[in-house]
Amino acid sequence: MIDFAELRRGMVDGQVRTNDVTDPGIVDAMLEIPRERFVPEALKALAYIDDDLIVRQAGPGGPARYLLEPMFLAKLLQLADVQATDLVLTIGAGTGYAAALLARLSSQVVSVEDDSELVAAANSALADVDVGNVATFQGPLTAGWASEAPYDVIFLNGSIEVIPDALIAQLKDGGRLVAVKGRGGAGRASTFTKVGSALSEYPTFNASVPLLPGFEAPPRFTF
């Protein structure tokens, strides 16, 4: 039988602490939340490897979707600097793992996912691990969730090329949006802080994470 608790400690000690993640709230959350509950049954034995894990195969419903590599997810959470009183919006809920971690750090999490099967999987997993301060909704990822705005933090659970105006509008003045901007090896984890109607960008570290569908830059036409 697999000792998931031991694998969880190994993930935190070998992938998280060793990559400059020092926030005790994040460390405790990653030690507490069973990551294996948020991956498909066939991949549970791989839940704690240092790689992205696929949670939806590419198909008619859209491109493949992933659970982010633990190290990058932990570093992005630390970048978000989530406070206990914060209202957080997470985009690209997937199976709910990032939302579960954010729930341990914040007051309330609103989570948006465009795939009905992933929404069902997230709700089931969150209930199983007794996370009660996450509300998961189905809708277009680029639209956010305006009815609960404004948010102190918006966390994008994947990389992007552009930030939709809808998300900027839902961020509180002085609030923070955290994302990896750019594809593949060109990705850069950044904090975007809202000042009035504009965003100031503070890039921090290189990160390669899967692209969120819908956040691609529009094609450029050359003549």
C-alpha atoms as a PDB file:
ATOM      1  CA  MET A   1       0.000   0.000   0.000  1.00  0.00           C
ATOM      2  CA  ILE A   2       1.291   3.460  -0.892  1.00  0.00           C
ATOM      3  CA  ASP A   3       2.139   5.673   2.085  1.00  0.00           C
ATOM      4  CA  PHE A   4       0.800   8.960   0.723  1.00  0.00           C
ATOM      5  CA  ALA A   5       1.580  10.839   3.945  1.00  0.00           C
ATOM      6  CA  GLU A   6       5.248   9.944   3.555  1.00  0.00           C
ATOM      7  CA  LEU A   7       5.204  10.954  -0.104  1.00  0.00           C
ATOM      8  CA  ARG A   8       3.587  14.244   0.899  1.00  0.00           C
ATOM      9  CA  ARG A   9       6.362  14.970   3.387  1.00  0.00           C
ATOM     10  CA  GLY A  10       8.917  14.081   0.733  1.00  0.00           C
ATOM     11  CA  MET A  11       7.286  16.490  -1.718  1.00  0.00           C
ATOM     12  CA  VAL A  12       7.391  19.343   0.769  1.00  0.00           C
ATOM     13  CA  ASP A  13      10.932  18.643   1.949  1.00  0.00           C
ATOM     14  CA  GLY A  14      12.418  17.855  -1.463  1.00  0.00           C
ATOM     15  CA  GLN A  15      10.471  20.109  -3.847  1.00  0.00           C
ATOM     16  CA  VAL A  16       9.005  22.974  -1.830  1.00  0.00           C
ATOM     17  CA  ARG A  17      11.343  23.904   1.028  1.00  0.00           C
ATOM     18  CA  THR A  18      14.412  23.467  -1.206  1.00  0.00           C
ATOM     19  CA  ASN A  19      13.055  26.033  -3.688  1.00  0.00           C
ATOM     20  CA  ASP A  20      12.876  28.984  -1.314  1.00  0.00           C
ATOM     21  CA  VAL A  21       9.263  28.516  -0.247  1.00  0.00           C
ATOM     22  CA  THR A  22       9.458  29.679   3.357  1.00  0.00           C
ATOM     23  CA  ASP A  23       5.877  30.753   4.090  1.00  0.00           C
ATOM     24  CA  PRO A  24       4.786  28.462   6.949  1.00  0.00           C
ATOM     25  CA  GLY A  25       1.131  28.690   5.912  1.00  0.00           C
ATOM     26  CA  ILE A  26       1.916  27.284   2.462  1.00  0.00           C
ATOM     27  CA  VAL A  27       4.159  24.567   3.868  1.00  0.00           C
ATOM     28  CA  ASP A  28       1.512  23.535   6.390  1.00  0.00           C
ATOM     29  CA  ALA A  29      -1.240  23.535   3.762  1.00  0.00           C
ATOM     30  CA  MET A  30       0.787  21.345   1.411  1.00  0.00           C
ATOM     31  CA  LEU A  31       1.547  18.952   4.259  1.00  0.00           C
ATOM     32  CA  GLU A  32      -2.122  18.817   5.211  1.00  0.00           C
ATOM     33  CA  ILE A  33      -3.987  18.645   1.878  1.00  0.00           C
ATOM     34  CA  PRO A  34      -3.832  15.151   0.274  1.00  0.00           C
ATOM     35  CA  ARG A  35      -2.766  15.914  -3.300  1.00  0.00           C
ATOM     36  CA  GLU A  36      -3.576  12.337  -4.332  1.00  0.00           C
ATOM     37  CA  ARG A  37      -7.264  13.102  -3.840  1.00  0.00           C
ATOM     38  CA  PHE A  38      -7.084  15.678  -6.644  1.00  0.00           C
ATOM     39  CA  VAL A  39      -5.632  13.476  -9.393  1.00  0.00           C
ATOM     40  CA  PRO A  40      -7.366  10.831 -11.544  1.00  0.00           C
ATOM     41  CA  GLU A  41      -7.476   7.347 -10.033  1.00  0.00           C
ATOM     42  CA  ALA A  42      -4.955   5.940 -12.516  1.00  0.00           C
ATOM     43  CA  LEU A  43      -2.385   8.607 -11.560  1.00  0.00           C
ATOM     44  CA  LYS A  44      -2.644   8.537  -7.776  1.00  0.00           C
ATOM     45  CA  ALA A  45       0.707   6.770  -7.440  1.00  0.00           C
ATOM     46  CA  LEU A  46       2.281   9.730  -9.286  1.00  0.00           C
ATOM     47  CA  ALA A  47       0.548  12.438  -7.251  1.00  0.00           C
ATOM     48  CA  TYR A  48       3.750  13.699  -5.615  1.00  0.00           C
ATOM     49  CA  ILE A  49       6.233  13.652  -8.495  1.00  0.00           C
ATOM     50  CA  ASP A  50       7.909  16.893  -9.522  1.00  0.00           C
ATOM     51  CA  ASP A  51       5.956  17.341 -12.736  1.00  0.00           C
ATOM     52  CA  ASP A  52       2.602  18.548 -14.031  1.00  0.00           C
ATOM     53  CA  LEU A  53      -0.102  15.869 -13.972  1.00  0.00           C
ATOM     54  CA  ILE A  54      -2.809  15.676 -16.602  1.00  0.00           C
ATOM     55  CA  VAL A  55      -6.352  15.865 -15.221  1.00  0.00           C
ATOM     56  CA  ARG A  56      -8.189  16.161 -18.555  1.00  0.00           C
ATOM     57  CA  GLN A  57      -7.084  14.687 -21.842  1.00  0.00           C
ATOM     58  CA  ALA A  58      -7.240  16.860 -24.949  1.00  0.00           C
ATOM     59  CA  GLY A  59     -10.419  16.270 -26.903  1.00  0.00           C
ATOM     60  CA  PRO A  60     -13.686  17.835 -28.057  1.00  0.00           C
ATOM     61  CA  GLY A  61     -13.978  19.604 -24.694  1.00  0.00           C
ATOM     62  CA  GLY A  62     -10.749  21.475 -25.297  1.00  0.00           C
ATOM     63  CA  PRO A  63      -7.020  21.145 -24.775  1.00  0.00           C
ATOM     64  CA  ALA A  64      -5.466  19.018 -22.058  1.00  0.00           C
ATOM     65  CA  ARG A  65      -5.554  20.410 -18.533  1.00  0.00           C
ATOM     66  CA  TYR A  66      -3.024  19.864 -15.780  1.00  0.00           C
ATOM     67  CA  LEU A  67      -2.387  19.904 -12.061  1.00  0.00           C
ATOM     68  CA  LEU A  68       0.638  22.170 -11.729  1.00  0.00           C
ATOM     69  CA  GLU A  69       4.013  20.878 -10.598  1.00  0.00           C
ATOM     70  CA  PRO A  70       4.195  21.247  -6.770  1.00  0.00           C
ATOM     71  CA  MET A  71       7.300  23.439  -6.754  1.00  0.00           C
ATOM     72  CA  PHE A  72       5.914  26.013  -9.194  1.00  0.00           C
ATOM     73  CA  LEU A  73       2.503  26.002  -7.529  1.00  0.00           C
ATOM     74  CA  ALA A  74       4.064  26.618  -4.104  1.00  0.00           C
ATOM     75  CA  LYS A  75       6.240  29.453  -5.419  1.00  0.00           C
ATOM     76  CA  LEU A  76       3.248  31.093  -7.108  1.00  0.00           C
ATOM     77  CA  LEU A  77       1.230  30.837  -3.906  1.00  0.00           C
ATOM     78  CA  GLN A  78       4.049  32.504  -2.013  1.00  0.00           C
ATOM     79  CA  LEU A  79       4.189  35.231  -4.639  1.00  0.00           C
ATOM     80  CA  ALA A  80       0.476  35.909  -4.093  1.00  0.00           C
ATOM     81  CA  ASP A  81       1.125  36.771  -0.427  1.00  0.00           C
ATOM     82  CA  VAL A  82      -2.413  35.708   0.527  1.00  0.00           C
ATOM     83  CA  GLN A  83      -3.697  37.077   3.829  1.00  0.00           C
ATOM     84  CA  ALA A  84      -6.189  35.447   6.188  1.00  0.00           C
ATOM     85  CA  THR A  85      -8.844  38.073   5.404  1.00  0.00           C
ATOM     86  CA  ASP A  86      -8.471  37.939   1.611  1.00  0.00           C
ATOM     87  CA  LEU A  87     -11.169  37.048  -0.896  1.00  0.00           C
ATOM     88  CA  VAL A  88      -9.441  35.053  -3.644  1.00  0.00           C
ATOM     89  CA  LEU A  89     -10.515  34.217  -7.181  1.00  0.00           C
ATOM     90  CA  THR A  90      -8.762  31.262  -8.780  1.00  0.00           C
ATOM     91  CA  ILE A  91      -9.059  30.766 -12.530  1.00  0.00           C
ATOM     92  CA  GLY A  92      -8.750  27.289 -14.024  1.00  0.00           C
ATOM     93  CA  ALA A  93      -9.851  25.331 -10.979  1.00  0.00           C
ATOM     94  CA  GLY A  94      -9.094  21.957 -12.514  1.00  0.00           C
ATOM     95  CA  THR A  95      -9.753  19.345  -9.835  1.00  0.00           C
ATOM     96  CA  GLY A  96      -9.542  21.903  -7.023  1.00  0.00           C
ATOM     97  CA  TYR A  97      -6.080  21.372  -5.509  1.00  0.00           C
ATOM     98  CA  ALA A  98      -4.895  24.981  -5.808  1.00  0.00           C
ATOM     99  CA  ALA A  99      -8.246  26.169  -4.440  1.00  0.00           C
ATOM    100  CA  ALA A 100      -7.878  23.832  -1.451  1.00  0.00           C
ATOM    101  CA  LEU A 101      -4.466  25.287  -0.651  1.00  0.00           C
ATOM    102  CA  LEU A 102      -5.699  28.853  -1.115  1.00  0.00           C
ATOM    103  CA  ALA A 103      -8.627  28.083   1.170  1.00  0.00           C
ATOM    104  CA  ARG A 104      -6.199  27.325   4.007  1.00  0.00           C
ATOM    105  CA  LEU A 105      -4.533  30.707   3.497  1.00  0.00           C
ATOM    106  CA  SER A 106      -7.525  33.009   2.940  1.00  0.00           C
ATOM    107  CA  SER A 107     -11.031  33.818   4.121  1.00  0.00           C
ATOM    108  CA  GLN A 108     -12.929  32.660   1.011  1.00  0.00           C
ATOM    109  CA  VAL A 109     -12.076  31.286  -2.431  1.00  0.00           C
ATOM    110  CA  VAL A 110     -14.179  31.633  -5.559  1.00  0.00           C
ATOM    111  CA  SER A 111     -13.054  29.104  -8.142  1.00  0.00           C
ATOM    112  CA  VAL A 112     -13.945  29.123 -11.848  1.00  0.00           C
ATOM    113  CA  GLU A 113     -13.695  26.180 -14.245  1.00  0.00           C
ATOM    114  CA  ASP A 114     -15.178  25.805 -17.730  1.00  0.00           C
ATOM    115  CA  ASP A 115     -15.405  21.993 -17.744  1.00  0.00           C
ATOM    116  CA  SER A 116     -18.428  20.446 -16.011  1.00  0.00           C
ATOM    117  CA  GLU A 117     -16.621  17.178 -15.232  1.00  0.00           C
ATOM    118  CA  LEU A 118     -13.732  19.041 -13.616  1.00  0.00           C
ATOM    119  CA  VAL A 119     -16.192  21.142 -11.592  1.00  0.00           C
ATOM    120  CA  ALA A 120     -17.807  17.938 -10.302  1.00  0.00           C
ATOM    121  CA  ALA A 121     -14.393  16.424  -9.524  1.00  0.00           C
ATOM    122  CA  ALA A 122     -13.306  19.575  -7.682  1.00  0.00           C
ATOM    123  CA  ASN A 123     -16.468  19.743  -5.593  1.00  0.00           C
ATOM    124  CA  SER A 124     -16.159  16.067  -4.676  1.00  0.00           C
ATOM    125  CA  ALA A 125     -12.482  16.344  -3.705  1.00  0.00           C
ATOM    126  CA  LEU A 126     -12.987  19.541  -1.714  1.00  0.00           C
ATOM    127  CA  ALA A 127     -15.831  17.938   0.227  1.00  0.00           C
ATOM    128  CA  ASP A 128     -13.729  14.836   0.887  1.00  0.00           C
ATOM    129  CA  VAL A 129     -10.915  16.880   2.438  1.00  0.00           C
ATOM    130  CA  ASP A 130     -13.360  19.033   4.422  1.00  0.00           C
ATOM    131  CA  VAL A 131     -12.668  22.355   2.696  1.00  0.00           C
ATOM    132  CA  GLY A 132     -15.789  24.433   3.166  1.00  0.00           C
ATOM    133  CA  ASN A 133     -14.738  27.945   2.151  1.00  0.00           C
ATOM    134  CA  VAL A 134     -14.454  27.344  -1.609  1.00  0.00           C
ATOM    135  CA  ALA A 135     -17.290  28.025  -4.045  1.00  0.00           C
ATOM    136  CA  THR A 136     -16.666  26.459  -7.471  1.00  0.00           C
ATOM    137  CA  PHE A 137     -18.553  27.754 -10.507  1.00  0.00           C
ATOM    138  CA  GLN A 138     -18.686  26.702 -14.135  1.00  0.00           C
ATOM    139  CA  GLY A 139     -18.075  29.411 -16.704  1.00  0.00           C
ATOM    140  CA  PRO A 140     -15.599  30.837 -19.216  1.00  0.00           C
ATOM    141  CA  LEU A 141     -12.184  31.182 -17.607  1.00  0.00           C
ATOM    142  CA  THR A 142     -11.510  34.553 -19.196  1.00  0.00           C
ATOM    143  CA  ALA A 143     -14.734  36.013 -17.732  1.00  0.00           C
ATOM    144  CA  GLY A 144     -13.816  35.435 -14.093  1.00  0.00           C
ATOM    145  CA  TRP A 145     -16.752  35.639 -11.697  1.00  0.00           C
ATOM    146  CA  ALA A 146     -18.034  39.190 -11.449  1.00  0.00           C
ATOM    147  CA  SER A 147     -20.857  38.652  -8.947  1.00  0.00           C
ATOM    148  CA  GLU A 148     -18.436  38.159  -6.035  1.00  0.00           C
ATOM    149  CA  ALA A 149     -15.940  40.865  -7.056  1.00  0.00           C
ATOM    150  CA  PRO A 150     -13.860  42.780  -6.141  1.00  0.00           C
ATOM    151  CA  TYR A 151     -11.124  40.311  -5.169  1.00  0.00           C
ATOM    152  CA  ASP A 152      -8.018  40.881  -3.097  1.00  0.00           C
ATOM    153  CA  VAL A 153      -6.140  38.232  -5.083  1.00  0.00           C
ATOM    154  CA  ILE A 154      -6.701  36.620  -8.486  1.00  0.00           C
ATOM    155  CA  PHE A 155      -4.681  33.449  -8.983  1.00  0.00           C
ATOM    156  CA  LEU A 156      -4.318  31.998 -12.478  1.00  0.00           C
ATOM    157  CA  ASN A 157      -3.728  28.272 -12.360  1.00  0.00           C
ATOM    158  CA  GLY A 158      -1.621  28.103 -15.524  1.00  0.00           C
ATOM    159  CA  SER A 159       0.338  30.353 -17.857  1.00  0.00           C
ATOM    160  CA  ILE A 160      -1.104  33.174 -19.935  1.00  0.00           C
ATOM    161  CA  GLU A 161      -0.142  35.455 -22.775  1.00  0.00           C
ATOM    162  CA  VAL A 162      -2.728  38.169 -22.115  1.00  0.00           C
ATOM    163  CA  ILE A 163      -4.786  39.294 -19.126  1.00  0.00           C
ATOM    164  CA  PRO A 164      -8.454  39.821 -20.037  1.00  0.00           C
ATOM    165  CA  ASP A 165      -9.996  43.176 -19.142  1.00  0.00           C
ATOM    166  CA  ALA A 166     -12.742  41.327 -17.243  1.00  0.00           C
ATOM    167  CA  LEU A 167     -10.235  40.057 -14.703  1.00  0.00           C
ATOM    168  CA  ILE A 168      -8.618  43.452 -14.255  1.00  0.00           C
ATOM    169  CA  ALA A 169     -12.060  44.935 -13.596  1.00  0.00           C
ATOM    170  CA  GLN A 170     -12.745  42.318 -10.881  1.00  0.00           C
ATOM    171  CA  LEU A 171      -9.538  43.029  -8.969  1.00  0.00           C
ATOM    172  CA  LYS A 172      -9.736  45.351  -5.981  1.00  0.00           C
ATOM    173  CA  ASP A 173      -7.723  48.557  -6.164  1.00  0.00           C
ATOM    174  CA  GLY A 174      -4.393  47.573  -4.641  1.00  0.00           C
ATOM    175  CA  GLY A 175      -5.188  43.892  -5.234  1.00  0.00           C
ATOM    176  CA  ARG A 176      -2.799  41.366  -6.744  1.00  0.00           C
ATOM    177  CA  LEU A 177      -3.065  39.108  -9.772  1.00  0.00           C
ATOM    178  CA  VAL A 178      -0.509  36.299  -9.925  1.00  0.00           C
ATOM    179  CA  ALA A 179       0.265  34.429 -13.133  1.00  0.00           C
ATOM    180  CA  VAL A 180       3.002  32.986 -15.274  1.00  0.00           C
ATOM    181  CA  LYS A 181       3.151  35.143 -18.375  1.00  0.00           C
ATOM    182  CA  GLY A 182       4.576  33.542 -21.507  1.00  0.00           C
ATOM    183  CA  ARG A 183       4.787  30.028 -22.901  1.00  0.00           C
ATOM    184  CA  GLY A 184       7.237  27.254 -22.115  1.00  0.00           C
ATOM    185  CA  GLY A 185      10.767  28.314 -21.256  1.00  0.00           C
ATOM    186  CA  ALA A 186       9.846  31.962 -21.857  1.00  0.00           C
ATOM    187  CA  GLY A 187       7.374  31.969 -18.967  1.00  0.00           C
ATOM    188  CA  ARG A 188       7.939  34.437 -16.148  1.00  0.00           C
ATOM    189  CA  ALA A 189       6.041  34.356 -12.850  1.00  0.00           C
ATOM    190  CA  SER A 190       4.807  37.840 -12.044  1.00  0.00           C
ATOM    191  CA  THR A 191       2.710  39.804  -9.599  1.00  0.00           C
ATOM    192  CA  PHE A 192       0.407  42.360 -11.200  1.00  0.00           C
ATOM    193  CA  THR A 193      -0.845  45.021  -8.771  1.00  0.00           C
ATOM    194  CA  LYS A 194      -3.882  47.113  -9.640  1.00  0.00           C
ATOM    195  CA  VAL A 195      -3.432  50.863  -9.319  1.00  0.00           C
ATOM    196  CA  GLY A 196      -6.567  52.688 -10.385  1.00  0.00           C
ATOM    197  CA  SER A 197      -7.554  51.018 -13.653  1.00  0.00           C
ATOM    198  CA  ALA A 198      -4.029  49.931 -14.593  1.00  0.00           C
ATOM    199  CA  LEU A 199      -1.744  47.050 -13.626  1.00  0.00           C
ATOM    200  CA  SER A 200       1.875  47.335 -12.604  1.00  0.00           C
ATOM    201  CA  GLU A 201       3.912  44.194 -13.311  1.00  0.00           C
ATOM    202  CA  TYR A 202       6.658  42.800 -11.089  1.00  0.00           C
ATOM    203  CA  PRO A 203       8.327  39.744 -12.669  1.00  0.00           C
ATOM    204  CA  THR A 204      10.181  37.435 -10.302  1.00  0.00           C
ATOM    205  CA  PHE A 205      11.251  33.992 -11.531  1.00  0.00           C
ATOM    206  CA  ASN A 206      11.249  31.829 -14.638  1.00  0.00           C
ATOM    207  CA  ALA A 207       8.511  29.204 -14.711  1.00  0.00           C
ATOM    208  CA  SER A 208       7.316  26.709 -17.296  1.00  0.00           C
ATOM    209  CA  VAL A 209       3.686  25.710 -16.712  1.00  0.00           C
ATOM    210  CA  PRO A 210       0.884  24.665 -19.100  1.00  0.00           C
ATOM    211  CA  LEU A 211      -1.055  27.405 -20.846  1.00  0.00           C
ATOM    212  CA  LEU A 212      -4.605  28.140 -19.725  1.00  0.00           C
ATOM    213  CA  PRO A 213      -6.990  27.878 -22.700  1.00  0.00           C
ATOM    214  CA  GLY A 214      -8.418  31.207 -23.779  1.00  0.00           C
ATOM    215  CA  PHE A 215      -5.471  33.269 -22.564  1.00  0.00           C
ATOM    216  CA  GLU A 216      -3.496  33.119 -25.811  1.00  0.00           C
ATOM    217  CA  ALA A 217      -2.426  36.361 -27.459  1.00  0.00           C
ATOM    218  CA  PRO A 218      -4.475  37.188 -30.566  1.00  0.00           C
ATOM    219  CA  PRO A 219      -2.725  36.353 -33.849  1.00  0.00           C
ATOM    220  CA  ARG A 220      -0.712  39.099 -35.432  1.00  0.00           C
ATOM    221  CA  PHE A 221      -1.098  39.849 -39.106  1.00  0.00           C
ATOM    222  CA  THR A 222       1.937  40.883 -41.082  1.00  0.00           C
ATOM    223  CA  PHE A 223       1.973  42.380 -44.531  1.00  0.00           C
END
